[in-house]
Amino acid sequence: MGLGLVGRLPVGPFLALTLLISVNASASVDTVYFQHEDERYLYPSQHQGGAALVSPGTRGRHLPLLVFLHGTNPARALHFWMGGGGRDLRPVAAAMFASRQVKPFIFAGPSQTRAAEHGRNLWTHFDLDRFVGDVGRALDGRATVDPESVIVVGHSGAGCNLSGGLAADFWSRGRVAPRSLVSIDPCLDADLGEAFARRPSAVPLWVMWQSRAWPRQPGAFERALTAGAAPGRVDRIERLNVAGPTPHETILPLALERAVRDLLAVPRQQGPAS
């Protein structure tokens, strides 16, 4: 099992440059809003909790889907980190679209405003099959989802619910199983390690976290994860050295970009055989 804590990675200046480029890149990318279990996750006055954007020029193509589950949302902001609540990951996705260094993909996420103050309550009963279907209907031909290439990314509290969010039992509920799980600055304790260890061997986990805020127990998490690991599964745990006054927030766009560049990289062209 390939599991271990990777040393600190200096990333602050690189992130600032990336976001600077991203702001301009997002200008030509439209966001589609749609209903996704609004009655479960939103307050009655809120509607169309889902948001999606897709690489330009991909109409009718079968594309990977990156599902983003946000963390705790005490302000009850609709489309948190997707244009609501003063924070926005869409420019990061748009920069990736424009870079041509990754495969074209769909970036989408639901909203939770009801009971969203605590991570242990986030994304209970999240139905990945239903969300994938809602994304496909909302895009209406702009692209279609490749169900064999669905990546689920969660920030903060999305990786704290022992039976929901990233620790949900996706594989026994329906036909769509994640190709990979990416947990960004989540809860790290023995209970979560045991919850994540229940995954099949074919679903790797990538955890990226920072140590400057929010004390946790990474050692206990890793021990529990390793003890319950299915044979042959390869997981990754990386501690990132994030600069700035709000490291728990700053790490998210950085880690998201790292995940996209790694998991959706354009294959290198092979040279002619000698």
C-alpha atoms as a PDB file:
ATOM      1  CA  MET A   1       0.000   0.000   0.000  1.00  0.00           C
ATOM      2  CA  GLY A   2       1.603   3.283  -1.084  1.00  0.00           C
ATOM      3  CA  LEU A   3       0.763   5.461   1.903  1.00  0.00           C
ATOM      4  CA  GLY A   4       2.842   8.061   3.665  1.00  0.00           C
ATOM      5  CA  LEU A   5       3.138  11.646   4.768  1.00  0.00           C
ATOM      6  CA  VAL A   6       4.956  13.760   2.202  1.00  0.00           C
ATOM      7  CA  GLY A   7       7.102  16.642   3.428  1.00  0.00           C
ATOM      8  CA  ARG A   8       6.108  20.297   3.360  1.00  0.00           C
ATOM      9  CA  LEU A   9       5.714  21.764  -0.108  1.00  0.00           C
ATOM     10  CA  PRO A  10       6.305  25.533  -0.566  1.00  0.00           C
ATOM     11  CA  VAL A  11       3.406  26.662  -2.721  1.00  0.00           C
ATOM     12  CA  GLY A  12       2.262  30.180  -1.790  1.00  0.00           C
ATOM     13  CA  PRO A  13       3.768  32.218  -4.712  1.00  0.00           C
ATOM     14  CA  PHE A  14       2.758  29.575  -7.284  1.00  0.00           C
ATOM     15  CA  LEU A  15      -0.845  29.662  -6.078  1.00  0.00           C
ATOM     16  CA  ALA A  16      -1.002  33.465  -6.339  1.00  0.00           C
ATOM     17  CA  LEU A  17       0.225  33.334  -9.951  1.00  0.00           C
ATOM     18  CA  THR A  18      -2.256  30.605 -10.831  1.00  0.00           C
ATOM     19  CA  LEU A  19      -5.214  32.533  -9.451  1.00  0.00           C
ATOM     20  CA  LEU A  20      -4.096  35.687 -11.250  1.00  0.00           C
ATOM     21  CA  ILE A  21      -4.153  33.817 -14.556  1.00  0.00           C
ATOM     22  CA  SER A  22      -7.423  32.090 -13.637  1.00  0.00           C
ATOM     23  CA  VAL A  23      -9.437  35.282 -13.240  1.00  0.00           C
ATOM     24  CA  ASN A  24      -8.992  36.137 -16.924  1.00  0.00           C
ATOM     25  CA  ALA A  25      -9.483  32.542 -18.069  1.00  0.00           C
ATOM     26  CA  SER A  26     -12.934  32.312 -16.473  1.00  0.00           C
ATOM     27  CA  ALA A  27     -14.476  35.093 -18.558  1.00  0.00           C
ATOM     28  CA  SER A  28     -15.690  32.824 -21.380  1.00  0.00           C
ATOM     29  CA  VAL A  29     -16.965  29.901 -19.257  1.00  0.00           C
ATOM     30  CA  ASP A  30     -20.671  29.849 -18.388  1.00  0.00           C
ATOM     31  CA  THR A  31     -22.088  28.300 -15.227  1.00  0.00           C
ATOM     32  CA  VAL A  32     -25.258  26.214 -15.412  1.00  0.00           C
ATOM     33  CA  TYR A  33     -27.413  26.135 -12.269  1.00  0.00           C
ATOM     34  CA  PHE A  34     -29.822  23.293 -11.610  1.00  0.00           C
ATOM     35  CA  GLN A  35     -31.882  21.584  -8.950  1.00  0.00           C
ATOM     36  CA  HIS A  36     -30.306  18.801  -6.922  1.00  0.00           C
ATOM     37  CA  GLU A  37     -32.210  17.582  -3.880  1.00  0.00           C
ATOM     38  CA  ASP A  38     -33.002  21.169  -2.963  1.00  0.00           C
ATOM     39  CA  GLU A  39     -35.678  19.997  -0.533  1.00  0.00           C
ATOM     40  CA  ARG A  40     -33.086  17.960   1.402  1.00  0.00           C
ATOM     41  CA  TYR A  41     -30.083  20.256   1.434  1.00  0.00           C
ATOM     42  CA  LEU A  42     -31.458  23.821   1.079  1.00  0.00           C
ATOM     43  CA  TYR A  43     -33.783  26.123   2.973  1.00  0.00           C
ATOM     44  CA  PRO A  44     -37.225  26.640   1.380  1.00  0.00           C
ATOM     45  CA  SER A  45     -36.325  30.094   0.038  1.00  0.00           C
ATOM     46  CA  GLN A  46     -33.319  28.706  -1.864  1.00  0.00           C
ATOM     47  CA  HIS A  47     -33.418  26.923  -5.194  1.00  0.00           C
ATOM     48  CA  GLN A  48     -31.163  25.344  -7.829  1.00  0.00           C
ATOM     49  CA  GLY A  49     -28.379  24.306  -5.495  1.00  0.00           C
ATOM     50  CA  GLY A  50     -26.344  22.582  -8.209  1.00  0.00           C
ATOM     51  CA  ALA A  51     -23.742  24.394 -10.310  1.00  0.00           C
ATOM     52  CA  ALA A  52     -21.757  23.076 -13.271  1.00  0.00           C
ATOM     53  CA  LEU A  53     -19.318  24.331 -15.870  1.00  0.00           C
ATOM     54  CA  VAL A  54     -17.678  22.470 -18.701  1.00  0.00           C
ATOM     55  CA  SER A  55     -14.632  22.877 -20.915  1.00  0.00           C
ATOM     56  CA  PRO A  56     -15.522  25.022 -23.955  1.00  0.00           C
ATOM     57  CA  GLY A  57     -15.880  23.403 -27.378  1.00  0.00           C
ATOM     58  CA  THR A  58     -16.892  19.979 -26.072  1.00  0.00           C
ATOM     59  CA  ARG A  59     -20.548  19.754 -27.155  1.00  0.00           C
ATOM     60  CA  GLY A  60     -21.653  16.146 -27.323  1.00  0.00           C
ATOM     61  CA  ARG A  61     -18.403  14.766 -25.950  1.00  0.00           C
ATOM     62  CA  HIS A  62     -18.172  12.125 -23.201  1.00  0.00           C
ATOM     63  CA  LEU A  63     -16.147  13.801 -20.415  1.00  0.00           C
ATOM     64  CA  PRO A  64     -14.801  13.091 -16.936  1.00  0.00           C
ATOM     65  CA  LEU A  65     -16.775  14.689 -14.101  1.00  0.00           C
ATOM     66  CA  LEU A  66     -15.141  16.288 -11.077  1.00  0.00           C
ATOM     67  CA  VAL A  67     -17.723  16.526  -8.280  1.00  0.00           C
ATOM     68  CA  PHE A  68     -16.953  19.121  -5.596  1.00  0.00           C
ATOM     69  CA  LEU A  69     -18.477  18.820  -2.106  1.00  0.00           C
ATOM     70  CA  HIS A  70     -17.915  21.975  -0.052  1.00  0.00           C
ATOM     71  CA  GLY A  71     -17.216  22.041   3.669  1.00  0.00           C
ATOM     72  CA  THR A  72     -19.019  23.658   6.587  1.00  0.00           C
ATOM     73  CA  ASN A  73     -21.226  26.554   5.533  1.00  0.00           C
ATOM     74  CA  PRO A  74     -22.286  28.540   8.629  1.00  0.00           C
ATOM     75  CA  ALA A  75     -23.277  31.536   6.479  1.00  0.00           C
ATOM     76  CA  ARG A  76     -25.781  29.301   4.615  1.00  0.00           C
ATOM     77  CA  ALA A  77     -24.445  30.586   1.297  1.00  0.00           C
ATOM     78  CA  LEU A  78     -25.898  29.122  -1.876  1.00  0.00           C
ATOM     79  CA  HIS A  79     -23.225  27.816  -4.297  1.00  0.00           C
ATOM     80  CA  PHE A  80     -20.523  27.984  -1.642  1.00  0.00           C
ATOM     81  CA  TRP A  81     -17.089  28.040  -3.358  1.00  0.00           C
ATOM     82  CA  MET A  82     -18.930  27.967  -6.715  1.00  0.00           C
ATOM     83  CA  GLY A  83     -19.580  31.716  -6.906  1.00  0.00           C
ATOM     84  CA  GLY A  84     -21.453  32.147  -3.611  1.00  0.00           C
ATOM     85  CA  GLY A  85     -20.226  33.157  -0.178  1.00  0.00           C
ATOM     86  CA  GLY A  86     -17.445  35.379  -1.517  1.00  0.00           C
ATOM     87  CA  ARG A  87     -15.257  32.448  -2.574  1.00  0.00           C
ATOM     88  CA  ASP A  88     -14.968  30.942  -6.022  1.00  0.00           C
ATOM     89  CA  LEU A  89     -13.234  27.886  -7.458  1.00  0.00           C
ATOM     90  CA  ARG A  90     -14.627  28.394 -10.944  1.00  0.00           C
ATOM     91  CA  PRO A  91     -11.637  30.502 -12.079  1.00  0.00           C
ATOM     92  CA  VAL A  92      -9.319  27.637 -11.101  1.00  0.00           C
ATOM     93  CA  ALA A  93     -11.345  25.202 -13.210  1.00  0.00           C
ATOM     94  CA  ALA A  94     -11.468  27.694 -16.090  1.00  0.00           C
ATOM     95  CA  ALA A  95      -7.683  28.070 -16.005  1.00  0.00           C
ATOM     96  CA  MET A  96      -7.358  24.302 -16.206  1.00  0.00           C
ATOM     97  CA  PHE A  97      -9.748  24.260 -19.192  1.00  0.00           C
ATOM     98  CA  ALA A  98      -7.637  26.895 -20.954  1.00  0.00           C
ATOM     99  CA  SER A  99      -4.279  25.308 -20.134  1.00  0.00           C
ATOM    100  CA  ARG A 100      -4.813  22.305 -22.442  1.00  0.00           C
ATOM    101  CA  GLN A 101      -2.527  20.419 -20.053  1.00  0.00           C
ATOM    102  CA  VAL A 102      -5.440  18.379 -18.740  1.00  0.00           C
ATOM    103  CA  LYS A 103      -8.255  16.504 -20.435  1.00  0.00           C
ATOM    104  CA  PRO A 104     -11.477  18.459 -20.979  1.00  0.00           C
ATOM    105  CA  PHE A 105     -13.776  17.859 -18.018  1.00  0.00           C
ATOM    106  CA  ILE A 106     -16.969  18.883 -16.252  1.00  0.00           C
ATOM    107  CA  PHE A 107     -16.691  20.651 -12.890  1.00  0.00           C
ATOM    108  CA  ALA A 108     -19.856  20.539 -10.775  1.00  0.00           C
ATOM    109  CA  GLY A 109     -21.000  20.659  -7.180  1.00  0.00           C
ATOM    110  CA  PRO A 110     -24.154  20.743  -5.070  1.00  0.00           C
ATOM    111  CA  SER A 111     -24.970  23.169  -2.252  1.00  0.00           C
ATOM    112  CA  GLN A 112     -25.876  22.413   1.355  1.00  0.00           C
ATOM    113  CA  THR A 113     -27.200  25.253   3.497  1.00  0.00           C
ATOM    114  CA  ARG A 114     -29.519  23.333   5.835  1.00  0.00           C
ATOM    115  CA  ALA A 115     -27.695  21.858   8.894  1.00  0.00           C
ATOM    116  CA  ALA A 116     -24.369  22.844   7.320  1.00  0.00           C
ATOM    117  CA  GLU A 117     -22.674  24.320  10.390  1.00  0.00           C
ATOM    118  CA  HIS A 118     -20.980  21.066  11.459  1.00  0.00           C
ATOM    119  CA  GLY A 119     -18.948  18.662   9.351  1.00  0.00           C
ATOM    120  CA  ARG A 120     -20.502  15.567  10.910  1.00  0.00           C
ATOM    121  CA  ASN A 121     -23.842  16.629   9.368  1.00  0.00           C
ATOM    122  CA  LEU A 122     -22.589  17.416   5.874  1.00  0.00           C
ATOM    123  CA  TRP A 123     -23.702  15.445   2.828  1.00  0.00           C
ATOM    124  CA  THR A 124     -25.584  12.732   4.695  1.00  0.00           C
ATOM    125  CA  HIS A 125     -27.410  10.531   2.151  1.00  0.00           C
ATOM    126  CA  PHE A 126     -25.495  12.104  -0.746  1.00  0.00           C
ATOM    127  CA  ASP A 127     -26.577  10.158  -3.835  1.00  0.00           C
ATOM    128  CA  LEU A 128     -23.797  10.203  -6.425  1.00  0.00           C
ATOM    129  CA  ASP A 129     -25.934   8.468  -9.058  1.00  0.00           C
ATOM    130  CA  ARG A 130     -28.615  11.106  -8.732  1.00  0.00           C
ATOM    131  CA  PHE A 131     -26.139  13.976  -8.854  1.00  0.00           C
ATOM    132  CA  VAL A 132     -24.465  12.602 -11.982  1.00  0.00           C
ATOM    133  CA  GLY A 133     -27.897  12.307 -13.606  1.00  0.00           C
ATOM    134  CA  ASP A 134     -28.837  15.861 -12.615  1.00  0.00           C
ATOM    135  CA  VAL A 135     -25.581  17.204 -14.063  1.00  0.00           C
ATOM    136  CA  GLY A 136     -26.195  15.419 -17.368  1.00  0.00           C
ATOM    137  CA  ARG A 137     -29.729  16.791 -17.680  1.00  0.00           C
ATOM    138  CA  ALA A 138     -28.611  20.314 -16.780  1.00  0.00           C
ATOM    139  CA  LEU A 139     -25.874  20.366 -19.415  1.00  0.00           C
ATOM    140  CA  ASP A 140     -28.462  19.443 -22.072  1.00  0.00           C
ATOM    141  CA  GLY A 141     -25.991  18.264 -24.696  1.00  0.00           C
ATOM    142  CA  ARG A 142     -23.093  20.607 -23.940  1.00  0.00           C
ATOM    143  CA  ALA A 143     -21.326  17.413 -22.847  1.00  0.00           C
ATOM    144  CA  THR A 144     -22.189  14.049 -21.341  1.00  0.00           C
ATOM    145  CA  VAL A 145     -20.735  12.456 -18.229  1.00  0.00           C
ATOM    146  CA  ASP A 146     -18.415   9.471 -18.490  1.00  0.00           C
ATOM    147  CA  PRO A 147     -19.642   7.363 -15.520  1.00  0.00           C
ATOM    148  CA  GLU A 148     -16.325   5.483 -15.480  1.00  0.00           C
ATOM    149  CA  SER A 149     -14.407   8.706 -14.824  1.00  0.00           C
ATOM    150  CA  VAL A 150     -16.092  10.427 -11.884  1.00  0.00           C
ATOM    151  CA  ILE A 151     -13.778  11.989  -9.299  1.00  0.00           C
ATOM    152  CA  VAL A 152     -15.229  13.182  -5.983  1.00  0.00           C
ATOM    153  CA  VAL A 153     -13.385  16.030  -4.239  1.00  0.00           C
ATOM    154  CA  GLY A 154     -14.342  17.317  -0.801  1.00  0.00           C
ATOM    155  CA  HIS A 155     -13.065  20.152   1.358  1.00  0.00           C
ATOM    156  CA  SER A 156     -13.002  20.329   5.131  1.00  0.00           C
ATOM    157  CA  GLY A 157     -16.267  19.000   6.614  1.00  0.00           C
ATOM    158  CA  ALA A 158     -17.034  17.023   3.452  1.00  0.00           C
ATOM    159  CA  GLY A 159     -14.407  14.647   4.844  1.00  0.00           C
ATOM    160  CA  CYS A 160     -15.728  14.607   8.419  1.00  0.00           C
ATOM    161  CA  ASN A 161     -19.065  12.759   8.224  1.00  0.00           C
ATOM    162  CA  LEU A 162     -18.486   9.100   9.101  1.00  0.00           C
ATOM    163  CA  SER A 163     -21.340   7.940   6.873  1.00  0.00           C
ATOM    164  CA  GLY A 164     -21.705  10.771   4.360  1.00  0.00           C
ATOM    165  CA  GLY A 165     -19.712  13.001   2.058  1.00  0.00           C
ATOM    166  CA  LEU A 166     -16.470  11.390   0.963  1.00  0.00           C
ATOM    167  CA  ALA A 167     -16.999   8.488   3.378  1.00  0.00           C
ATOM    168  CA  ALA A 168     -20.394   7.607   1.876  1.00  0.00           C
ATOM    169  CA  ASP A 169     -20.988   4.080   0.644  1.00  0.00           C
ATOM    170  CA  PHE A 170     -21.102   4.998  -3.051  1.00  0.00           C
ATOM    171  CA  TRP A 171     -20.332   1.520  -4.362  1.00  0.00           C
ATOM    172  CA  SER A 172     -23.310  -0.413  -3.021  1.00  0.00           C
ATOM    173  CA  ARG A 173     -25.979   2.189  -3.770  1.00  0.00           C
ATOM    174  CA  GLY A 174     -25.943   2.402  -7.547  1.00  0.00           C
ATOM    175  CA  ARG A 175     -24.060   2.120 -10.768  1.00  0.00           C
ATOM    176  CA  VAL A 176     -21.654   5.092 -10.450  1.00  0.00           C
ATOM    177  CA  ALA A 177     -18.574   4.517  -8.282  1.00  0.00           C
ATOM    178  CA  PRO A 178     -15.876   7.184  -7.942  1.00  0.00           C
ATOM    179  CA  ARG A 179     -12.676   6.598  -9.845  1.00  0.00           C
ATOM    180  CA  SER A 180     -10.870   8.458  -7.057  1.00  0.00           C
ATOM    181  CA  LEU A 181     -11.582  10.373  -3.847  1.00  0.00           C
ATOM    182  CA  VAL A 182      -9.702  13.582  -3.011  1.00  0.00           C
ATOM    183  CA  SER A 183     -10.069  14.919   0.540  1.00  0.00           C
ATOM    184  CA  ILE A 184      -8.696  18.419   1.110  1.00  0.00           C
ATOM    185  CA  ASP A 185      -7.942  19.479   4.708  1.00  0.00           C
ATOM    186  CA  PRO A 186     -10.506  17.131   6.303  1.00  0.00           C
ATOM    187  CA  CYS A 187     -10.963  15.750   9.813  1.00  0.00           C
ATOM    188  CA  LEU A 188      -8.087  13.394  10.588  1.00  0.00           C
ATOM    189  CA  ASP A 189      -8.711  10.925  13.397  1.00  0.00           C
ATOM    190  CA  ALA A 190      -9.025   7.193  13.922  1.00  0.00           C
ATOM    191  CA  ASP A 191     -12.787   7.142  13.310  1.00  0.00           C
ATOM    192  CA  LEU A 192     -12.403   8.775   9.897  1.00  0.00           C
ATOM    193  CA  GLY A 193      -9.513   6.491   9.054  1.00  0.00           C
ATOM    194  CA  GLU A 194     -11.730   3.483   9.736  1.00  0.00           C
ATOM    195  CA  ALA A 195     -14.561   4.984   7.675  1.00  0.00           C
ATOM    196  CA  PHE A 196     -12.327   5.603   4.671  1.00  0.00           C
ATOM    197  CA  ALA A 197     -10.784   2.137   5.010  1.00  0.00           C
ATOM    198  CA  ARG A 198     -14.107   0.547   4.064  1.00  0.00           C
ATOM    199  CA  ARG A 199     -13.598   1.519   0.413  1.00  0.00           C
ATOM    200  CA  PRO A 200     -12.922  -1.115  -2.256  1.00  0.00           C
ATOM    201  CA  SER A 201      -9.342  -1.518  -3.431  1.00  0.00           C
ATOM    202  CA  ALA A 202     -10.182   0.054  -6.792  1.00  0.00           C
ATOM    203  CA  VAL A 203     -10.997   3.469  -5.255  1.00  0.00           C
ATOM    204  CA  PRO A 204      -7.838   5.299  -4.133  1.00  0.00           C
ATOM    205  CA  LEU A 205      -7.894   8.139  -1.615  1.00  0.00           C
ATOM    206  CA  TRP A 206      -5.740  11.264  -1.841  1.00  0.00           C
ATOM    207  CA  VAL A 207      -5.591  13.441   1.285  1.00  0.00           C
ATOM    208  CA  MET A 208      -3.962  16.884   1.234  1.00  0.00           C
ATOM    209  CA  TRP A 209      -3.834  18.811   4.503  1.00  0.00           C
ATOM    210  CA  GLN A 210      -2.044  21.640   6.307  1.00  0.00           C
ATOM    211  CA  SER A 211      -0.882  21.867   9.909  1.00  0.00           C
ATOM    212  CA  ARG A 212      -0.992  25.623  10.556  1.00  0.00           C
ATOM    213  CA  ALA A 213      -4.629  25.632  11.641  1.00  0.00           C
ATOM    214  CA  TRP A 214      -7.157  23.162  13.036  1.00  0.00           C
ATOM    215  CA  PRO A 215      -5.227  20.616  15.195  1.00  0.00           C
ATOM    216  CA  ARG A 216      -5.861  17.002  14.147  1.00  0.00           C
ATOM    217  CA  GLN A 217      -4.536  13.463  14.613  1.00  0.00           C
ATOM    218  CA  PRO A 218      -2.931  12.469  11.293  1.00  0.00           C
ATOM    219  CA  GLY A 219      -1.024   9.579  12.863  1.00  0.00           C
ATOM    220  CA  ALA A 220      -4.183   7.977  14.260  1.00  0.00           C
ATOM    221  CA  PHE A 221      -5.936   8.512  10.924  1.00  0.00           C
ATOM    222  CA  GLU A 222      -3.137   6.867   8.971  1.00  0.00           C
ATOM    223  CA  ARG A 223      -2.879   3.892  11.321  1.00  0.00           C
ATOM    224  CA  ALA A 224      -6.625   3.206  11.110  1.00  0.00           C
ATOM    225  CA  LEU A 225      -6.639   3.659   7.348  1.00  0.00           C
ATOM    226  CA  THR A 226      -3.707   1.295   6.905  1.00  0.00           C
ATOM    227  CA  ALA A 227      -5.070  -1.345   9.263  1.00  0.00           C
ATOM    228  CA  GLY A 228      -8.344  -1.589   7.351  1.00  0.00           C
ATOM    229  CA  ALA A 229      -6.944  -1.210   3.846  1.00  0.00           C
ATOM    230  CA  ALA A 230      -8.035  -3.585   1.108  1.00  0.00           C
ATOM    231  CA  PRO A 231      -5.107  -5.479  -0.461  1.00  0.00           C
ATOM    232  CA  GLY A 232      -3.488  -3.604  -3.314  1.00  0.00           C
ATOM    233  CA  ARG A 233      -5.078  -0.232  -2.656  1.00  0.00           C
ATOM    234  CA  VAL A 234      -2.811   2.791  -3.086  1.00  0.00           C
ATOM    235  CA  ASP A 235      -3.596   5.873  -0.971  1.00  0.00           C
ATOM    236  CA  ARG A 236      -1.723   9.175  -0.680  1.00  0.00           C
ATOM    237  CA  ILE A 237      -1.448  11.570   2.259  1.00  0.00           C
ATOM    238  CA  GLU A 238       0.403  14.863   1.728  1.00  0.00           C
ATOM    239  CA  ARG A 239       0.997  17.715   4.137  1.00  0.00           C
ATOM    240  CA  LEU A 240       1.235  21.009   2.256  1.00  0.00           C
ATOM    241  CA  ASN A 241       2.986  24.111   3.548  1.00  0.00           C
ATOM    242  CA  VAL A 242       0.412  26.803   2.787  1.00  0.00           C
ATOM    243  CA  ALA A 243       1.145  30.503   3.246  1.00  0.00           C
ATOM    244  CA  GLY A 244      -1.247  33.267   4.278  1.00  0.00           C
ATOM    245  CA  PRO A 245      -3.528  34.120   7.202  1.00  0.00           C
ATOM    246  CA  THR A 246      -6.271  31.596   6.297  1.00  0.00           C
ATOM    247  CA  PRO A 247      -4.462  28.336   5.414  1.00  0.00           C
ATOM    248  CA  HIS A 248      -7.612  26.207   5.692  1.00  0.00           C
ATOM    249  CA  GLU A 249      -9.130  28.193   2.834  1.00  0.00           C
ATOM    250  CA  THR A 250      -5.935  28.859   0.889  1.00  0.00           C
ATOM    251  CA  ILE A 251      -5.162  25.162   0.552  1.00  0.00           C
ATOM    252  CA  LEU A 252      -8.375  24.423  -1.365  1.00  0.00           C
ATOM    253  CA  PRO A 253      -7.669  25.994  -4.795  1.00  0.00           C
ATOM    254  CA  LEU A 254      -4.060  24.848  -4.605  1.00  0.00           C
ATOM    255  CA  ALA A 255      -4.951  21.233  -3.822  1.00  0.00           C
ATOM    256  CA  LEU A 256      -7.775  21.218  -6.368  1.00  0.00           C
ATOM    257  CA  GLU A 257      -5.362  22.257  -9.098  1.00  0.00           C
ATOM    258  CA  ARG A 258      -2.847  19.615  -8.031  1.00  0.00           C
ATOM    259  CA  ALA A 259      -5.535  16.950  -8.181  1.00  0.00           C
ATOM    260  CA  VAL A 260      -6.788  17.977 -11.613  1.00  0.00           C
ATOM    261  CA  ARG A 261      -3.289  18.157 -13.071  1.00  0.00           C
ATOM    262  CA  ASP A 262      -2.484  14.702 -11.719  1.00  0.00           C
ATOM    263  CA  LEU A 263      -5.723  12.794 -12.271  1.00  0.00           C
ATOM    264  CA  LEU A 264      -6.747  14.343 -15.596  1.00  0.00           C
ATOM    265  CA  ALA A 265      -3.339  14.919 -17.182  1.00  0.00           C
ATOM    266  CA  VAL A 266      -3.149  14.745 -20.952  1.00  0.00           C
ATOM    267  CA  PRO A 267      -1.122  11.615 -21.810  1.00  0.00           C
ATOM    268  CA  ARG A 268       2.312  12.336 -23.176  1.00  0.00           C
ATOM    269  CA  GLN A 269       2.651  11.483 -26.834  1.00  0.00           C
ATOM    270  CA  GLN A 270       4.901   8.550 -27.505  1.00  0.00           C
ATOM    271  CA  GLY A 271       7.769   9.112 -29.913  1.00  0.00           C
ATOM    272  CA  PRO A 272       8.276   6.815 -32.922  1.00  0.00           C
ATOM    273  CA  ALA A 273       9.613   3.395 -32.074  1.00  0.00           C
ATOM    274  CA  SER A 274      13.292   2.981 -32.892  1.00  0.00           C
END
